[in-house]
């Protein structure tokens, strides 16, 4: 089942960064990633590489976090929107399938429920690439229109239940659920 939404990239990026939402996300990361000592915003352009925030660990290592903010467009907090196409008109694959992303973890935060889901990106990417076509047939697919002065585009996500992603990761990587 497909539907469409209008999306404004600058609004989404702004929501993942500053203000009360940004503080809640930073607090979550500091309290849940062992050895986390500092959170910094990504530099301009790094967000397009899949990093909205950098978590500095006590070891000196930096971990890249791609932040996804749940709003009305996410429909249900029990599903993960996984992008199949970033720019459909140009055949540019979605972030979930793109092997060039610098992302270490993806963090979803649903503002209305205050729920968080933190997932290792490479594991998510593998199970999504293995199951994307099947999941597109089983779960809701939505296209999103993003108007822009430099050229508008459509992207596409499939909304996969969290438990389905969790089971796929467990089966693939031997992790208990």
N, C-alpha and C. Protein backbone atom coordinates (compact mmCIF):
# COMPACT_ATOMS: atom_id res chain seq x y z
N UNK A 1 0.85 -1.17 0.00
CA UNK A 1 0.00 0.00 0.00
C UNK A 1 0.89 1.24 0.00
N UNK A 2 0.67 2.14 -0.93
CA UNK A 2 1.50 3.34 -1.03
C UNK A 2 0.69 4.58 -0.70
N UNK A 3 1.35 5.56 -0.09
CA UNK A 3 0.76 6.88 0.10
C UNK A 3 1.86 7.91 -0.04
N UNK A 4 1.50 9.18 -0.03
CA UNK A 4 2.50 10.24 -0.25
C UNK A 4 2.36 11.32 0.80
N UNK A 5 3.48 11.93 1.13
CA UNK A 5 3.54 13.05 2.06
C UNK A 5 4.48 14.10 1.47
N UNK A 6 4.27 15.35 1.88
CA UNK A 6 5.20 16.41 1.52
C UNK A 6 6.19 16.53 2.66
N UNK A 7 7.45 16.70 2.31
CA UNK A 7 8.53 16.72 3.29
C UNK A 7 9.44 17.91 3.01
N UNK A 8 9.84 18.59 4.06
CA UNK A 8 10.76 19.72 3.92
C UNK A 8 12.06 19.35 4.63
N UNK A 9 13.12 19.13 3.86
CA UNK A 9 14.38 18.62 4.38
C UNK A 9 14.93 19.49 5.51
N UNK A 10 14.90 20.80 5.35
CA UNK A 10 15.45 21.70 6.37
C UNK A 10 14.74 21.57 7.70
N UNK A 11 13.45 21.32 7.68
CA UNK A 11 12.69 21.15 8.91
C UNK A 11 13.13 19.88 9.62
N UNK A 12 13.27 18.79 8.86
CA UNK A 12 13.69 17.50 9.43
C UNK A 12 15.08 17.62 10.04
N UNK A 13 16.01 18.22 9.32
CA UNK A 13 17.37 18.36 9.82
C UNK A 13 17.38 19.21 11.09
N UNK A 14 16.62 20.29 11.10
CA UNK A 14 16.55 21.15 12.27
C UNK A 14 16.01 20.43 13.49
N UNK A 15 15.04 19.55 13.29
CA UNK A 15 14.47 18.80 14.40
C UNK A 15 15.48 17.85 15.02
N UNK A 16 16.40 17.31 14.23
CA UNK A 16 17.37 16.35 14.76
C UNK A 16 18.51 17.05 15.48
N UNK A 17 18.58 18.35 15.39
CA UNK A 17 19.71 19.07 15.95
C UNK A 17 19.37 19.77 17.26
N UNK A 18 19.08 21.04 17.23
CA UNK A 18 18.99 21.83 18.44
C UNK A 18 17.69 21.73 19.20
N UNK A 19 17.55 22.63 20.18
CA UNK A 19 16.33 22.74 20.95
C UNK A 19 16.12 21.60 21.92
N UNK A 20 14.88 21.52 22.42
CA UNK A 20 14.54 20.50 23.41
C UNK A 20 14.72 19.10 22.87
N UNK A 21 14.34 18.87 21.60
CA UNK A 21 14.48 17.54 21.01
C UNK A 21 15.95 17.16 20.94
N UNK A 22 16.80 18.08 20.50
CA UNK A 22 18.23 17.80 20.43
C UNK A 22 18.82 17.47 21.78
N UNK A 23 18.37 18.15 22.83
CA UNK A 23 18.87 17.89 24.19
C UNK A 23 18.45 16.51 24.66
N UNK A 24 17.20 16.12 24.40
CA UNK A 24 16.71 14.80 24.78
C UNK A 24 17.51 13.71 24.07
N UNK A 25 17.79 13.91 22.80
CA UNK A 25 18.58 12.94 22.03
C UNK A 25 19.99 12.85 22.57
N UNK A 26 20.61 13.99 22.82
CA UNK A 26 21.97 13.99 23.38
C UNK A 26 22.01 13.26 24.72
N UNK A 27 21.03 13.54 25.59
CA UNK A 27 20.98 12.86 26.89
C UNK A 27 20.84 11.35 26.72
N UNK A 28 19.98 10.93 25.79
CA UNK A 28 19.81 9.50 25.54
C UNK A 28 21.14 8.87 25.13
N UNK A 29 21.82 9.48 24.18
CA UNK A 29 23.08 8.93 23.70
C UNK A 29 24.14 8.88 24.80
N UNK A 30 24.26 9.95 25.58
CA UNK A 30 25.25 9.98 26.66
C UNK A 30 24.96 8.92 27.72
N UNK A 31 23.68 8.65 27.97
CA UNK A 31 23.30 7.70 29.01
C UNK A 31 23.25 6.25 28.53
N UNK A 32 23.31 6.02 27.22
CA UNK A 32 23.12 4.66 26.72
C UNK A 32 24.28 4.10 25.89
N UNK A 33 25.22 4.92 25.51
CA UNK A 33 26.41 4.42 24.81
C UNK A 33 27.57 4.40 25.80
N UNK A 34 28.06 3.23 26.17
CA UNK A 34 29.14 3.13 27.15
C UNK A 34 30.36 3.95 26.72
N UNK A 35 30.88 4.72 27.65
CA UNK A 35 32.06 5.52 27.38
C UNK A 35 31.79 6.83 26.67
N UNK A 36 30.51 7.15 26.41
CA UNK A 36 30.19 8.42 25.74
C UNK A 36 30.49 9.59 26.67
N UNK A 37 31.26 10.56 26.16
CA UNK A 37 31.62 11.72 26.98
C UNK A 37 31.16 13.04 26.38
N UNK A 38 30.89 13.05 25.06
CA UNK A 38 30.51 14.32 24.45
C UNK A 38 29.75 14.06 23.16
N UNK A 39 28.76 14.92 22.89
CA UNK A 39 27.98 14.86 21.66
C UNK A 39 28.23 16.16 20.89
N UNK A 40 28.53 16.04 19.60
CA UNK A 40 28.66 17.22 18.76
C UNK A 40 27.79 17.05 17.51
N UNK A 41 27.34 18.17 16.97
CA UNK A 41 26.58 18.14 15.73
C UNK A 41 27.53 17.87 14.58
N UNK A 42 27.04 17.20 13.57
CA UNK A 42 27.86 16.97 12.39
C UNK A 42 28.11 18.28 11.67
N UNK A 43 29.15 18.33 10.89
CA UNK A 43 29.47 19.50 10.09
C UNK A 43 28.59 19.54 8.84
N UNK A 44 28.44 20.71 8.23
CA UNK A 44 27.67 20.76 6.98
C UNK A 44 28.22 19.75 5.97
N UNK A 45 27.34 18.98 5.37
CA UNK A 45 27.73 17.95 4.42
C UNK A 45 27.84 16.57 5.03
N UNK A 46 28.19 16.50 6.32
CA UNK A 46 28.28 15.19 6.97
C UNK A 46 26.90 14.56 7.13
N UNK A 47 25.86 15.41 7.25
CA UNK A 47 24.50 14.88 7.35
C UNK A 47 24.13 14.11 6.08
N UNK A 48 24.63 14.54 4.95
CA UNK A 48 24.36 13.81 3.70
C UNK A 48 25.15 12.50 3.63
N UNK A 49 26.14 12.36 4.49
CA UNK A 49 26.90 11.10 4.59
C UNK A 49 26.31 10.18 5.65
N UNK A 50 25.17 10.59 6.25
CA UNK A 50 24.49 9.74 7.21
C UNK A 50 24.84 9.99 8.66
N UNK A 51 25.43 11.14 8.96
CA UNK A 51 25.77 11.45 10.35
C UNK A 51 25.17 12.81 10.72
N UNK A 52 24.27 12.78 11.71
CA UNK A 52 23.69 14.01 12.26
C UNK A 52 24.40 14.42 13.52
N UNK A 53 24.88 13.43 14.28
CA UNK A 53 25.58 13.69 15.54
C UNK A 53 26.78 12.76 15.65
N UNK A 54 27.83 13.28 16.25
CA UNK A 54 29.01 12.47 16.58
C UNK A 54 29.03 12.26 18.08
N UNK A 55 29.24 11.03 18.50
CA UNK A 55 29.41 10.72 19.91
C UNK A 55 30.88 10.43 20.13
N UNK A 56 31.50 11.24 20.99
CA UNK A 56 32.91 11.02 21.31
C UNK A 56 32.96 10.09 22.52
N UNK A 57 33.75 9.01 22.39
CA UNK A 57 33.91 8.05 23.47
C UNK A 57 35.17 8.37 24.27
N UNK A 58 35.23 7.87 25.48
CA UNK A 58 36.38 8.10 26.35
C UNK A 58 37.67 7.62 25.69
N UNK A 59 37.57 6.64 24.81
CA UNK A 59 38.74 6.12 24.09
C UNK A 59 39.25 7.08 23.02
N UNK A 60 38.46 8.11 22.70
CA UNK A 60 38.81 9.04 21.64
C UNK A 60 38.11 8.73 20.33
N UNK A 61 37.54 7.54 20.21
CA UNK A 61 36.81 7.16 19.00
C UNK A 61 35.54 8.00 18.87
N UNK A 62 35.18 8.29 17.61
CA UNK A 62 33.90 8.97 17.34
C UNK A 62 32.95 7.99 16.67
N UNK A 63 31.70 8.03 17.12
CA UNK A 63 30.66 7.16 16.59
C UNK A 63 29.63 8.05 15.89
N UNK A 64 29.31 7.73 14.63
CA UNK A 64 28.36 8.53 13.85
C UNK A 64 26.93 8.05 14.02
N UNK A 65 26.04 8.99 14.35
CA UNK A 65 24.63 8.68 14.59
C UNK A 65 23.77 9.38 13.55
N UNK A 66 22.92 8.62 12.89
CA UNK A 66 21.91 9.18 11.98
C UNK A 66 20.61 9.26 12.79
N UNK A 67 20.10 10.46 13.01
CA UNK A 67 18.93 10.67 13.85
C UNK A 67 17.69 10.79 12.99
N UNK A 68 16.67 10.00 13.34
CA UNK A 68 15.38 10.02 12.66
C UNK A 68 14.33 10.42 13.68
N UNK A 69 13.65 11.53 13.42
CA UNK A 69 12.64 12.04 14.35
C UNK A 69 11.26 11.58 13.90
N UNK A 70 10.55 10.90 14.79
CA UNK A 70 9.20 10.43 14.49
C UNK A 70 8.19 11.56 14.66
N UNK A 71 7.42 11.76 13.61
CA UNK A 71 6.34 12.75 13.63
C UNK A 71 5.11 12.07 13.06
N UNK A 72 4.14 12.86 12.66
CA UNK A 72 2.91 12.32 12.08
C UNK A 72 3.21 11.44 10.87
N UNK A 73 4.19 11.79 10.06
CA UNK A 73 4.50 11.04 8.84
C UNK A 73 4.97 9.62 9.15
N UNK A 74 5.44 9.37 10.37
CA UNK A 74 5.91 8.04 10.72
C UNK A 74 4.75 7.09 10.99
N UNK A 75 3.55 7.62 11.12
CA UNK A 75 2.31 6.87 11.27
C UNK A 75 2.22 6.10 12.58
N UNK A 76 3.07 5.13 12.80
CA UNK A 76 3.00 4.31 14.01
C UNK A 76 4.38 4.19 14.62
N UNK A 77 4.44 4.31 15.94
CA UNK A 77 5.73 4.23 16.61
C UNK A 77 6.29 2.82 16.66
N UNK A 78 5.51 1.82 16.27
CA UNK A 78 6.00 0.45 16.32
C UNK A 78 6.60 -0.02 14.98
N UNK A 79 6.81 0.91 14.05
CA UNK A 79 7.44 0.58 12.78
C UNK A 79 8.66 1.47 12.56
N UNK A 80 9.60 0.95 11.78
CA UNK A 80 10.78 1.73 11.41
C UNK A 80 10.67 2.09 9.93
N UNK A 81 10.70 3.38 9.61
CA UNK A 81 10.69 3.78 8.20
C UNK A 81 12.08 3.56 7.61
N UNK A 82 12.18 2.64 6.66
CA UNK A 82 13.45 2.29 6.04
C UNK A 82 13.40 2.74 4.58
N UNK A 83 14.32 3.60 4.22
CA UNK A 83 14.28 4.26 2.91
C UNK A 83 14.83 3.36 1.80
N UNK A 84 13.99 3.12 0.80
CA UNK A 84 14.41 2.35 -0.37
C UNK A 84 14.99 3.26 -1.45
N UNK A 85 14.38 4.43 -1.63
CA UNK A 85 14.84 5.40 -2.62
C UNK A 85 14.98 6.77 -1.98
N UNK A 86 16.13 7.40 -2.20
CA UNK A 86 16.36 8.75 -1.71
C UNK A 86 15.85 9.78 -2.72
N UNK A 87 16.21 9.58 -3.99
CA UNK A 87 15.73 10.44 -5.08
C UNK A 87 15.28 9.51 -6.20
N UNK A 88 14.00 9.25 -6.23
CA UNK A 88 13.47 8.28 -7.20
C UNK A 88 13.73 8.73 -8.63
N UNK A 89 13.60 10.02 -8.91
CA UNK A 89 13.77 10.54 -10.26
C UNK A 89 15.16 10.29 -10.82
N UNK A 90 16.16 10.18 -9.95
CA UNK A 90 17.54 9.97 -10.39
C UNK A 90 18.05 8.57 -10.07
N UNK A 91 17.18 7.71 -9.52
CA UNK A 91 17.59 6.35 -9.19
C UNK A 91 18.61 6.29 -8.07
N UNK A 92 18.56 7.25 -7.14
CA UNK A 92 19.51 7.27 -6.02
C UNK A 92 18.93 6.45 -4.87
N UNK A 93 19.67 5.41 -4.47
CA UNK A 93 19.18 4.51 -3.43
C UNK A 93 19.00 5.22 -2.10
N UNK A 94 18.12 4.65 -1.29
CA UNK A 94 17.85 5.21 0.03
C UNK A 94 18.99 4.99 1.00
N UNK A 95 18.98 5.76 2.08
CA UNK A 95 20.07 5.70 3.06
C UNK A 95 20.22 4.30 3.65
N UNK A 96 19.14 3.57 3.80
CA UNK A 96 19.22 2.26 4.42
C UNK A 96 20.02 1.27 3.58
N UNK A 97 20.08 1.49 2.28
CA UNK A 97 20.79 0.57 1.38
C UNK A 97 22.14 1.10 0.91
N UNK A 98 22.46 2.35 1.20
CA UNK A 98 23.65 3.00 0.66
C UNK A 98 24.92 2.58 1.40
N UNK A 99 25.82 1.84 0.75
CA UNK A 99 27.04 1.38 1.42
C UNK A 99 28.07 2.48 1.64
N UNK A 100 27.83 3.66 1.11
CA UNK A 100 28.78 4.76 1.27
C UNK A 100 28.52 5.62 2.50
N UNK A 101 27.46 5.33 3.24
CA UNK A 101 27.15 6.13 4.43
C UNK A 101 28.18 5.89 5.52
N UNK A 102 28.44 6.92 6.31
CA UNK A 102 29.40 6.85 7.41
C UNK A 102 28.72 6.41 8.71
N UNK A 103 27.45 6.16 8.68
CA UNK A 103 26.64 5.87 9.86
C UNK A 103 27.14 4.65 10.62
N UNK A 104 27.23 4.79 11.95
CA UNK A 104 27.51 3.65 12.82
C UNK A 104 26.22 3.13 13.45
N UNK A 105 25.34 4.06 13.88
CA UNK A 105 24.06 3.70 14.48
C UNK A 105 22.97 4.61 13.93
N UNK A 106 21.75 4.07 13.87
CA UNK A 106 20.58 4.87 13.54
C UNK A 106 19.77 4.97 14.81
N UNK A 107 19.35 6.19 15.15
CA UNK A 107 18.54 6.43 16.34
C UNK A 107 17.22 7.04 15.92
N UNK A 108 16.13 6.32 16.19
CA UNK A 108 14.80 6.87 15.99
C UNK A 108 14.30 7.38 17.32
N UNK A 109 13.64 8.54 17.28
CA UNK A 109 13.03 9.10 18.48
C UNK A 109 11.64 9.60 18.11
N UNK A 110 10.63 9.05 18.79
CA UNK A 110 9.25 9.49 18.57
C UNK A 110 8.91 10.50 19.65
N UNK A 111 8.70 11.73 19.23
CA UNK A 111 8.48 12.84 20.16
C UNK A 111 7.24 12.61 21.02
N UNK A 112 6.14 12.18 20.40
CA UNK A 112 4.88 12.07 21.13
C UNK A 112 4.89 10.96 22.19
N UNK A 113 5.66 9.91 22.00
CA UNK A 113 5.69 8.81 22.97
C UNK A 113 6.99 8.78 23.77
N UNK A 114 7.96 9.59 23.36
CA UNK A 114 9.29 9.64 24.00
C UNK A 114 10.05 8.33 23.86
N UNK A 115 9.68 7.53 22.88
CA UNK A 115 10.33 6.24 22.65
C UNK A 115 11.58 6.42 21.79
N UNK A 116 12.58 5.58 22.07
CA UNK A 116 13.83 5.55 21.30
C UNK A 116 14.06 4.14 20.78
N UNK A 117 14.66 4.04 19.61
CA UNK A 117 15.17 2.77 19.09
C UNK A 117 16.54 3.08 18.50
N UNK A 118 17.55 2.36 18.98
CA UNK A 118 18.93 2.53 18.53
C UNK A 118 19.37 1.22 17.88
N UNK A 119 19.82 1.29 16.63
CA UNK A 119 20.15 0.10 15.86
C UNK A 119 21.52 0.25 15.20
N UNK A 120 22.36 -0.80 15.28
CA UNK A 120 23.63 -0.76 14.55
C UNK A 120 23.36 -0.72 13.04
N UNK A 121 23.92 0.26 12.38
CA UNK A 121 23.59 0.51 10.98
C UNK A 121 23.97 -0.64 10.04
N UNK A 122 25.17 -1.17 10.15
CA UNK A 122 25.59 -2.21 9.21
C UNK A 122 24.72 -3.46 9.32
N UNK A 123 24.30 -3.80 10.52
CA UNK A 123 23.41 -4.95 10.71
C UNK A 123 22.05 -4.66 10.09
N UNK A 124 21.54 -3.46 10.32
CA UNK A 124 20.26 -3.06 9.74
C UNK A 124 20.35 -3.08 8.22
N UNK A 125 21.43 -2.53 7.70
CA UNK A 125 21.61 -2.47 6.25
C UNK A 125 21.61 -3.86 5.62
N UNK A 126 22.25 -4.82 6.26
CA UNK A 126 22.31 -6.18 5.73
C UNK A 126 20.93 -6.83 5.73
N UNK A 127 20.21 -6.75 6.84
CA UNK A 127 18.90 -7.42 6.87
C UNK A 127 17.90 -6.71 5.97
N UNK A 128 18.06 -5.38 5.81
CA UNK A 128 17.15 -4.69 4.91
C UNK A 128 17.45 -5.04 3.46
N UNK A 129 18.73 -5.09 3.08
CA UNK A 129 19.05 -5.46 1.70
C UNK A 129 18.60 -6.88 1.39
N UNK A 130 18.67 -7.77 2.37
CA UNK A 130 18.21 -9.14 2.18
C UNK A 130 16.69 -9.25 2.06
N UNK A 131 15.96 -8.34 2.70
CA UNK A 131 14.51 -8.48 2.83
C UNK A 131 13.68 -7.35 2.22
N UNK A 132 14.31 -6.35 1.63
CA UNK A 132 13.58 -5.15 1.18
C UNK A 132 12.42 -5.46 0.25
N UNK A 133 12.63 -6.29 -0.74
CA UNK A 133 11.55 -6.57 -1.70
C UNK A 133 10.38 -7.28 -1.03
N UNK A 134 10.68 -8.25 -0.20
CA UNK A 134 9.61 -8.96 0.52
C UNK A 134 8.86 -8.02 1.46
N UNK A 135 9.60 -7.18 2.19
CA UNK A 135 8.97 -6.26 3.13
C UNK A 135 8.13 -5.21 2.40
N UNK A 136 8.55 -4.81 1.20
CA UNK A 136 7.75 -3.85 0.42
C UNK A 136 6.41 -4.46 0.04
N UNK A 137 6.37 -5.77 -0.14
CA UNK A 137 5.11 -6.44 -0.47
C UNK A 137 4.21 -6.61 0.76
N UNK A 138 4.82 -6.74 1.92
CA UNK A 138 4.07 -7.03 3.15
C UNK A 138 3.64 -5.80 3.95
N UNK A 139 4.43 -4.72 3.89
CA UNK A 139 4.20 -3.59 4.79
C UNK A 139 3.94 -2.31 4.01
N UNK A 140 3.50 -1.31 4.74
CA UNK A 140 3.13 -0.04 4.12
C UNK A 140 4.35 0.63 3.48
N UNK A 141 4.16 1.09 2.26
CA UNK A 141 5.18 1.83 1.53
C UNK A 141 4.64 3.24 1.32
N UNK A 142 5.48 4.24 1.57
CA UNK A 142 5.06 5.63 1.40
C UNK A 142 6.09 6.38 0.58
N UNK A 143 5.59 7.19 -0.34
CA UNK A 143 6.46 8.09 -1.09
C UNK A 143 6.29 9.48 -0.50
N UNK A 144 7.39 10.21 -0.54
CA UNK A 144 7.44 11.53 0.06
C UNK A 144 7.92 12.53 -0.99
N UNK A 145 7.27 13.65 -1.08
CA UNK A 145 7.64 14.70 -2.04
C UNK A 145 8.37 15.80 -1.28
N UNK A 146 9.54 16.17 -1.76
CA UNK A 146 10.32 17.24 -1.15
C UNK A 146 10.49 18.37 -2.15
N UNK A 147 9.78 19.50 -1.93
CA UNK A 147 9.94 20.64 -2.82
C UNK A 147 11.24 21.39 -2.51
N UNK A 148 11.89 21.88 -3.55
CA UNK A 148 13.14 22.59 -3.38
C UNK A 148 13.33 23.58 -4.52
N UNK A 149 13.99 24.67 -4.24
CA UNK A 149 14.29 25.66 -5.28
C UNK A 149 15.20 25.07 -6.34
N UNK A 150 16.15 24.21 -5.90
CA UNK A 150 17.12 23.64 -6.83
C UNK A 150 16.60 22.40 -7.56
N UNK A 151 15.40 21.97 -7.24
CA UNK A 151 14.82 20.80 -7.90
C UNK A 151 14.14 19.89 -6.89
N UNK A 152 12.89 19.61 -7.08
CA UNK A 152 12.12 18.78 -6.17
C UNK A 152 12.33 17.30 -6.49
N UNK A 153 12.02 16.43 -5.50
CA UNK A 153 12.20 15.01 -5.71
C UNK A 153 11.24 14.20 -4.85
N UNK A 154 11.16 12.92 -5.17
CA UNK A 154 10.39 11.96 -4.39
C UNK A 154 11.34 10.95 -3.76
N UNK A 155 11.03 10.55 -2.53
CA UNK A 155 11.75 9.46 -1.88
C UNK A 155 10.71 8.42 -1.47
N UNK A 156 11.20 7.25 -1.06
CA UNK A 156 10.28 6.17 -0.71
C UNK A 156 10.79 5.39 0.49
N UNK A 157 9.89 5.09 1.42
CA UNK A 157 10.19 4.28 2.59
C UNK A 157 9.21 3.13 2.70
N UNK A 158 9.68 2.05 3.31
CA UNK A 158 8.80 0.97 3.72
C UNK A 158 8.81 0.97 5.24
N UNK A 159 7.62 0.85 5.84
CA UNK A 159 7.45 0.91 7.29
C UNK A 159 7.40 -0.51 7.83
N UNK A 160 8.51 -0.96 8.39
CA UNK A 160 8.66 -2.34 8.84
C UNK A 160 8.48 -2.39 10.36
N UNK A 161 7.64 -3.29 10.86
CA UNK A 161 7.49 -3.42 12.32
C UNK A 161 8.84 -3.66 13.00
N UNK A 162 9.04 -3.02 14.14
CA UNK A 162 10.29 -3.15 14.87
C UNK A 162 10.61 -4.61 15.16
N UNK A 163 9.61 -5.37 15.57
CA UNK A 163 9.82 -6.78 15.88
C UNK A 163 10.30 -7.60 14.70
N UNK A 164 9.85 -7.25 13.50
CA UNK A 164 10.29 -7.95 12.29
C UNK A 164 11.77 -7.67 12.03
N UNK A 165 12.18 -6.41 12.18
CA UNK A 165 13.59 -6.06 12.01
C UNK A 165 14.43 -6.76 13.07
N UNK A 166 13.94 -6.75 14.29
CA UNK A 166 14.64 -7.39 15.40
C UNK A 166 14.84 -8.89 15.14
N UNK A 167 13.78 -9.57 14.70
CA UNK A 167 13.88 -11.01 14.41
C UNK A 167 14.86 -11.27 13.26
N UNK A 168 14.80 -10.44 12.23
CA UNK A 168 15.71 -10.62 11.09
C UNK A 168 17.16 -10.45 11.53
N UNK A 169 17.42 -9.47 12.40
CA UNK A 169 18.78 -9.27 12.90
C UNK A 169 19.20 -10.45 13.78
N UNK A 170 18.28 -10.95 14.58
CA UNK A 170 18.59 -12.09 15.44
C UNK A 170 18.92 -13.33 14.61
N UNK A 171 18.10 -13.60 13.59
CA UNK A 171 18.34 -14.76 12.74
C UNK A 171 19.65 -14.65 11.97
N UNK A 172 19.95 -13.46 11.48
CA UNK A 172 21.14 -13.25 10.66
C UNK A 172 22.43 -13.26 11.50
N UNK A 173 22.37 -12.60 12.67
CA UNK A 173 23.59 -12.38 13.46
C UNK A 173 23.64 -13.13 14.77
N UNK A 174 22.61 -13.95 15.05
CA UNK A 174 22.63 -14.77 16.25
C UNK A 174 22.40 -14.02 17.55
N UNK A 175 21.79 -12.87 17.46
CA UNK A 175 21.52 -12.08 18.66
C UNK A 175 20.19 -12.50 19.27
N UNK A 176 20.13 -12.61 20.59
CA UNK A 176 18.82 -12.92 21.21
C UNK A 176 17.89 -11.73 21.11
N UNK A 177 16.59 -12.03 21.01
CA UNK A 177 15.61 -10.94 21.01
C UNK A 177 14.78 -10.97 22.26
